[in-house]
Amino acid sequence: MNEVFNIIDLLYQIYFYMILIYVLMSWVPAVKDSFVGELLGKIVEPYLSIFRRFIPPIGGILDISPIIALIALQFLVSGLKTVLDVFI
């Protein structure tokens, strides 16, 4: 059981940092257009696009959807661990 939680935590941390790096890369267009930027975009953008549909940028320029997406991801991981703890 502990191994499953460790794997879930590791996957969460990896995806968290992928989102964080992708958001930081958006400040430097040359980096975002690189191979790594495009790869991260293909992995992260489908998840972020869910939140971007419902959360408009503040003032037209400040996109807070990644923050909400990371909070939702944390709730998802916590819920998954709770469900697994009850049933396993």
N, C-alpha and C. Protein backbone atom coordinates (compact mmCIF):
# COMPACT_ATOMS: atom_id res chain seq x y z
N MET A 1 0.82 -1.19 0.00
CA MET A 1 0.00 0.00 0.00
C MET A 1 0.87 1.25 0.00
N ASN A 2 1.89 1.23 0.81
CA ASN A 2 2.80 2.38 0.88
C ASN A 2 3.49 2.62 -0.46
N GLU A 3 3.80 1.52 -1.18
CA GLU A 3 4.46 1.66 -2.47
C GLU A 3 3.54 2.36 -3.47
N VAL A 4 2.24 2.05 -3.42
CA VAL A 4 1.28 2.69 -4.31
C VAL A 4 1.22 4.19 -4.03
N PHE A 5 1.17 4.56 -2.76
CA PHE A 5 1.14 5.97 -2.39
C PHE A 5 2.42 6.68 -2.83
N ASN A 6 3.55 5.99 -2.70
CA ASN A 6 4.83 6.58 -3.13
C ASN A 6 4.84 6.83 -4.64
N ILE A 7 4.29 5.89 -5.40
CA ILE A 7 4.23 6.05 -6.86
C ILE A 7 3.29 7.20 -7.22
N ILE A 8 2.15 7.28 -6.56
CA ILE A 8 1.21 8.38 -6.81
C ILE A 8 1.87 9.72 -6.49
N ASP A 9 2.56 9.80 -5.36
CA ASP A 9 3.24 11.04 -4.98
C ASP A 9 4.33 11.41 -5.99
N LEU A 10 5.07 10.42 -6.46
CA LEU A 10 6.13 10.69 -7.43
C LEU A 10 5.53 11.20 -8.75
N LEU A 11 4.47 10.56 -9.23
CA LEU A 11 3.83 11.01 -10.46
C LEU A 11 3.24 12.40 -10.31
N TYR A 12 2.66 12.67 -9.15
CA TYR A 12 2.13 14.01 -8.88
C TYR A 12 3.23 15.05 -8.93
N GLN A 13 4.35 14.78 -8.28
CA GLN A 13 5.45 15.74 -8.25
C GLN A 13 6.02 15.98 -9.64
N ILE A 14 6.15 14.92 -10.42
CA ILE A 14 6.67 15.07 -11.78
C ILE A 14 5.74 15.96 -12.60
N TYR A 15 4.43 15.68 -12.55
CA TYR A 15 3.47 16.45 -13.34
C TYR A 15 3.38 17.89 -12.83
N PHE A 16 3.45 18.08 -11.52
CA PHE A 16 3.45 19.41 -10.92
C PHE A 16 4.59 20.25 -11.49
N TYR A 17 5.78 19.69 -11.48
CA TYR A 17 6.94 20.43 -11.97
C TYR A 17 6.90 20.62 -13.48
N MET A 18 6.31 19.68 -14.20
CA MET A 18 6.15 19.87 -15.64
C MET A 18 5.25 21.07 -15.92
N ILE A 19 4.15 21.18 -15.18
CA ILE A 19 3.26 22.33 -15.35
C ILE A 19 3.98 23.62 -14.97
N LEU A 20 4.68 23.60 -13.86
CA LEU A 20 5.40 24.79 -13.39
C LEU A 20 6.45 25.24 -14.41
N ILE A 21 7.21 24.32 -14.92
CA ILE A 21 8.24 24.65 -15.92
C ILE A 21 7.60 25.18 -17.19
N TYR A 22 6.50 24.55 -17.61
CA TYR A 22 5.79 25.00 -18.82
C TYR A 22 5.29 26.43 -18.66
N VAL A 23 4.74 26.74 -17.51
CA VAL A 23 4.25 28.10 -17.25
C VAL A 23 5.41 29.09 -17.25
N LEU A 24 6.50 28.75 -16.61
CA LEU A 24 7.67 29.65 -16.59
C LEU A 24 8.26 29.82 -17.99
N MET A 25 8.21 28.76 -18.79
CA MET A 25 8.73 28.84 -20.15
C MET A 25 7.89 29.77 -21.03
N SER A 26 6.64 29.96 -20.66
CA SER A 26 5.78 30.83 -21.46
C SER A 26 6.24 32.29 -21.41
N TRP A 27 7.05 32.64 -20.44
CA TRP A 27 7.58 34.00 -20.34
C TRP A 27 8.70 34.25 -21.35
N VAL A 28 9.29 33.16 -21.85
CA VAL A 28 10.39 33.27 -22.82
C VAL A 28 9.98 32.51 -24.08
N PRO A 29 9.44 33.22 -25.07
CA PRO A 29 8.90 32.54 -26.25
C PRO A 29 9.90 31.64 -26.98
N ALA A 30 11.16 32.00 -27.00
CA ALA A 30 12.16 31.19 -27.69
C ALA A 30 12.30 29.82 -27.03
N VAL A 31 12.19 29.77 -25.72
CA VAL A 31 12.31 28.51 -25.00
C VAL A 31 11.05 27.67 -25.19
N LYS A 32 9.90 28.32 -25.20
CA LYS A 32 8.63 27.60 -25.36
C LYS A 32 8.54 26.98 -26.75
N ASP A 33 9.17 27.56 -27.73
CA ASP A 33 9.15 27.03 -29.09
C ASP A 33 10.22 25.97 -29.33
N SER A 34 11.02 25.66 -28.33
CA SER A 34 12.05 24.64 -28.47
C SER A 34 11.42 23.25 -28.41
N PHE A 35 12.23 22.24 -28.62
CA PHE A 35 11.75 20.85 -28.58
C PHE A 35 11.16 20.52 -27.21
N VAL A 36 11.87 20.90 -26.17
CA VAL A 36 11.40 20.62 -24.81
C VAL A 36 10.09 21.35 -24.53
N GLY A 37 10.00 22.60 -24.96
CA GLY A 37 8.78 23.38 -24.76
C GLY A 37 7.59 22.76 -25.48
N GLU A 38 7.81 22.31 -26.71
CA GLU A 38 6.73 21.68 -27.45
C GLU A 38 6.33 20.35 -26.83
N LEU A 39 7.30 19.59 -26.36
CA LEU A 39 7.01 18.32 -25.70
C LEU A 39 6.20 18.53 -24.42
N LEU A 40 6.63 19.48 -23.60
CA LEU A 40 5.88 19.80 -22.39
C LEU A 40 4.48 20.28 -22.73
N GLY A 41 4.36 21.07 -23.79
CA GLY A 41 3.06 21.56 -24.21
C GLY A 41 2.11 20.43 -24.57
N LYS A 42 2.62 19.41 -25.25
CA LYS A 42 1.78 18.28 -25.63
C LYS A 42 1.33 17.47 -24.42
N ILE A 43 2.12 17.47 -23.38
CA ILE A 43 1.79 16.71 -22.18
C ILE A 43 0.91 17.51 -21.22
N VAL A 44 1.18 18.79 -21.07
CA VAL A 44 0.54 19.62 -20.06
C VAL A 44 -0.69 20.37 -20.59
N GLU A 45 -0.64 20.79 -21.83
CA GLU A 45 -1.70 21.65 -22.37
C GLU A 45 -3.09 21.01 -22.35
N PRO A 46 -3.25 19.71 -22.63
CA PRO A 46 -4.61 19.14 -22.54
C PRO A 46 -5.24 19.30 -21.16
N TYR A 47 -4.45 19.16 -20.11
CA TYR A 47 -4.97 19.34 -18.75
C TYR A 47 -5.26 20.81 -18.47
N LEU A 48 -4.35 21.70 -18.85
CA LEU A 48 -4.55 23.13 -18.59
C LEU A 48 -5.71 23.71 -19.41
N SER A 49 -5.94 23.17 -20.60
CA SER A 49 -7.00 23.71 -21.45
C SER A 49 -8.38 23.53 -20.83
N ILE A 50 -8.54 22.52 -20.00
CA ILE A 50 -9.81 22.32 -19.30
C ILE A 50 -10.12 23.53 -18.44
N PHE A 51 -9.13 24.04 -17.74
CA PHE A 51 -9.31 25.18 -16.84
C PHE A 51 -9.36 26.50 -17.60
N ARG A 52 -8.64 26.59 -18.70
CA ARG A 52 -8.64 27.82 -19.48
C ARG A 52 -9.99 28.08 -20.13
N ARG A 53 -10.77 27.03 -20.36
CA ARG A 53 -12.11 27.21 -20.93
C ARG A 53 -13.03 27.96 -19.98
N PHE A 54 -12.84 27.76 -18.68
CA PHE A 54 -13.75 28.31 -17.68
C PHE A 54 -13.21 29.51 -16.92
N ILE A 55 -11.90 29.70 -16.94
CA ILE A 55 -11.28 30.78 -16.16
C ILE A 55 -10.62 31.76 -17.12
N PRO A 56 -11.24 32.92 -17.33
CA PRO A 56 -10.63 33.90 -18.24
C PRO A 56 -9.43 34.57 -17.57
N PRO A 57 -8.50 35.06 -18.38
CA PRO A 57 -7.36 35.80 -17.81
C PRO A 57 -7.83 37.07 -17.10
N ILE A 58 -7.19 37.39 -16.02
CA ILE A 58 -7.53 38.60 -15.26
C ILE A 58 -6.94 39.79 -16.01
N GLY A 59 -7.79 40.74 -16.30
CA GLY A 59 -7.35 41.92 -17.03
C GLY A 59 -6.92 41.62 -18.45
N GLY A 60 -7.22 40.43 -18.92
CA GLY A 60 -6.85 40.05 -20.28
C GLY A 60 -5.43 39.57 -20.44
N ILE A 61 -4.61 39.64 -19.37
CA ILE A 61 -3.20 39.26 -19.51
C ILE A 61 -2.71 38.25 -18.47
N LEU A 62 -3.31 38.23 -17.29
CA LEU A 62 -2.82 37.35 -16.22
C LEU A 62 -3.65 36.07 -16.18
N ASP A 63 -3.04 34.98 -16.61
CA ASP A 63 -3.71 33.69 -16.67
C ASP A 63 -3.49 32.95 -15.34
N ILE A 64 -4.55 32.82 -14.55
CA ILE A 64 -4.43 32.13 -13.26
C ILE A 64 -4.89 30.67 -13.35
N SER A 65 -5.26 30.23 -14.55
CA SER A 65 -5.75 28.86 -14.68
C SER A 65 -4.71 27.80 -14.27
N PRO A 66 -3.39 28.00 -14.50
CA PRO A 66 -2.44 26.99 -14.02
C PRO A 66 -2.44 26.85 -12.48
N ILE A 67 -2.67 27.95 -11.79
CA ILE A 67 -2.72 27.88 -10.32
C ILE A 67 -3.91 27.03 -9.88
N ILE A 68 -5.07 27.30 -10.49
CA ILE A 68 -6.28 26.53 -10.17
C ILE A 68 -6.09 25.08 -10.58
N ALA A 69 -5.43 24.84 -11.72
CA ALA A 69 -5.19 23.48 -12.19
C ALA A 69 -4.30 22.71 -11.21
N LEU A 70 -3.30 23.38 -10.66
CA LEU A 70 -2.41 22.71 -9.69
C LEU A 70 -3.15 22.41 -8.39
N ILE A 71 -4.00 23.33 -7.96
CA ILE A 71 -4.79 23.08 -6.75
C ILE A 71 -5.75 21.91 -6.98
N ALA A 72 -6.38 21.89 -8.15
CA ALA A 72 -7.30 20.79 -8.48
C ALA A 72 -6.55 19.46 -8.56
N LEU A 73 -5.34 19.49 -9.09
CA LEU A 73 -4.53 18.28 -9.16
C LEU A 73 -4.20 17.75 -7.76
N GLN A 74 -3.91 18.67 -6.84
CA GLN A 74 -3.63 18.27 -5.46
C GLN A 74 -4.86 17.63 -4.83
N PHE A 75 -6.05 18.22 -5.05
CA PHE A 75 -7.28 17.63 -4.54
C PHE A 75 -7.54 16.26 -5.15
N LEU A 76 -7.25 16.13 -6.44
CA LEU A 76 -7.45 14.85 -7.12
C LEU A 76 -6.55 13.76 -6.52
N VAL A 77 -5.31 14.11 -6.29
CA VAL A 77 -4.36 13.15 -5.71
C VAL A 77 -4.79 12.79 -4.29
N SER A 78 -5.19 13.77 -3.50
CA SER A 78 -5.64 13.49 -2.14
C SER A 78 -6.88 12.60 -2.13
N GLY A 79 -7.81 12.89 -3.03
CA GLY A 79 -9.02 12.06 -3.13
C GLY A 79 -8.70 10.64 -3.56
N LEU A 80 -7.81 10.50 -4.52
CA LEU A 80 -7.40 9.17 -4.98
C LEU A 80 -6.76 8.38 -3.85
N LYS A 81 -5.90 9.02 -3.09
CA LYS A 81 -5.24 8.33 -1.98
C LYS A 81 -6.25 7.94 -0.89
N THR A 82 -7.24 8.80 -0.65
CA THR A 82 -8.29 8.47 0.32
C THR A 82 -9.11 7.28 -0.12
N VAL A 83 -9.50 7.28 -1.38
CA VAL A 83 -10.29 6.17 -1.91
C VAL A 83 -9.49 4.88 -1.86
N LEU A 84 -8.23 4.93 -2.23
CA LEU A 84 -7.40 3.74 -2.20
C LEU A 84 -7.19 3.25 -0.76
N ASP A 85 -7.08 4.18 0.17
CA ASP A 85 -6.89 3.82 1.57
C ASP A 85 -8.12 3.10 2.12
N VAL A 86 -9.30 3.51 1.67
CA VAL A 86 -10.55 2.89 2.15
C VAL A 86 -10.74 1.51 1.56
N PHE A 87 -10.44 1.37 0.26
CA PHE A 87 -10.74 0.11 -0.41
C PHE A 87 -9.61 -0.91 -0.42
N ILE A 88 -8.43 -0.48 -0.10
CA ILE A 88 -7.31 -1.45 -0.12
C ILE A 88 -6.82 -1.72 1.28
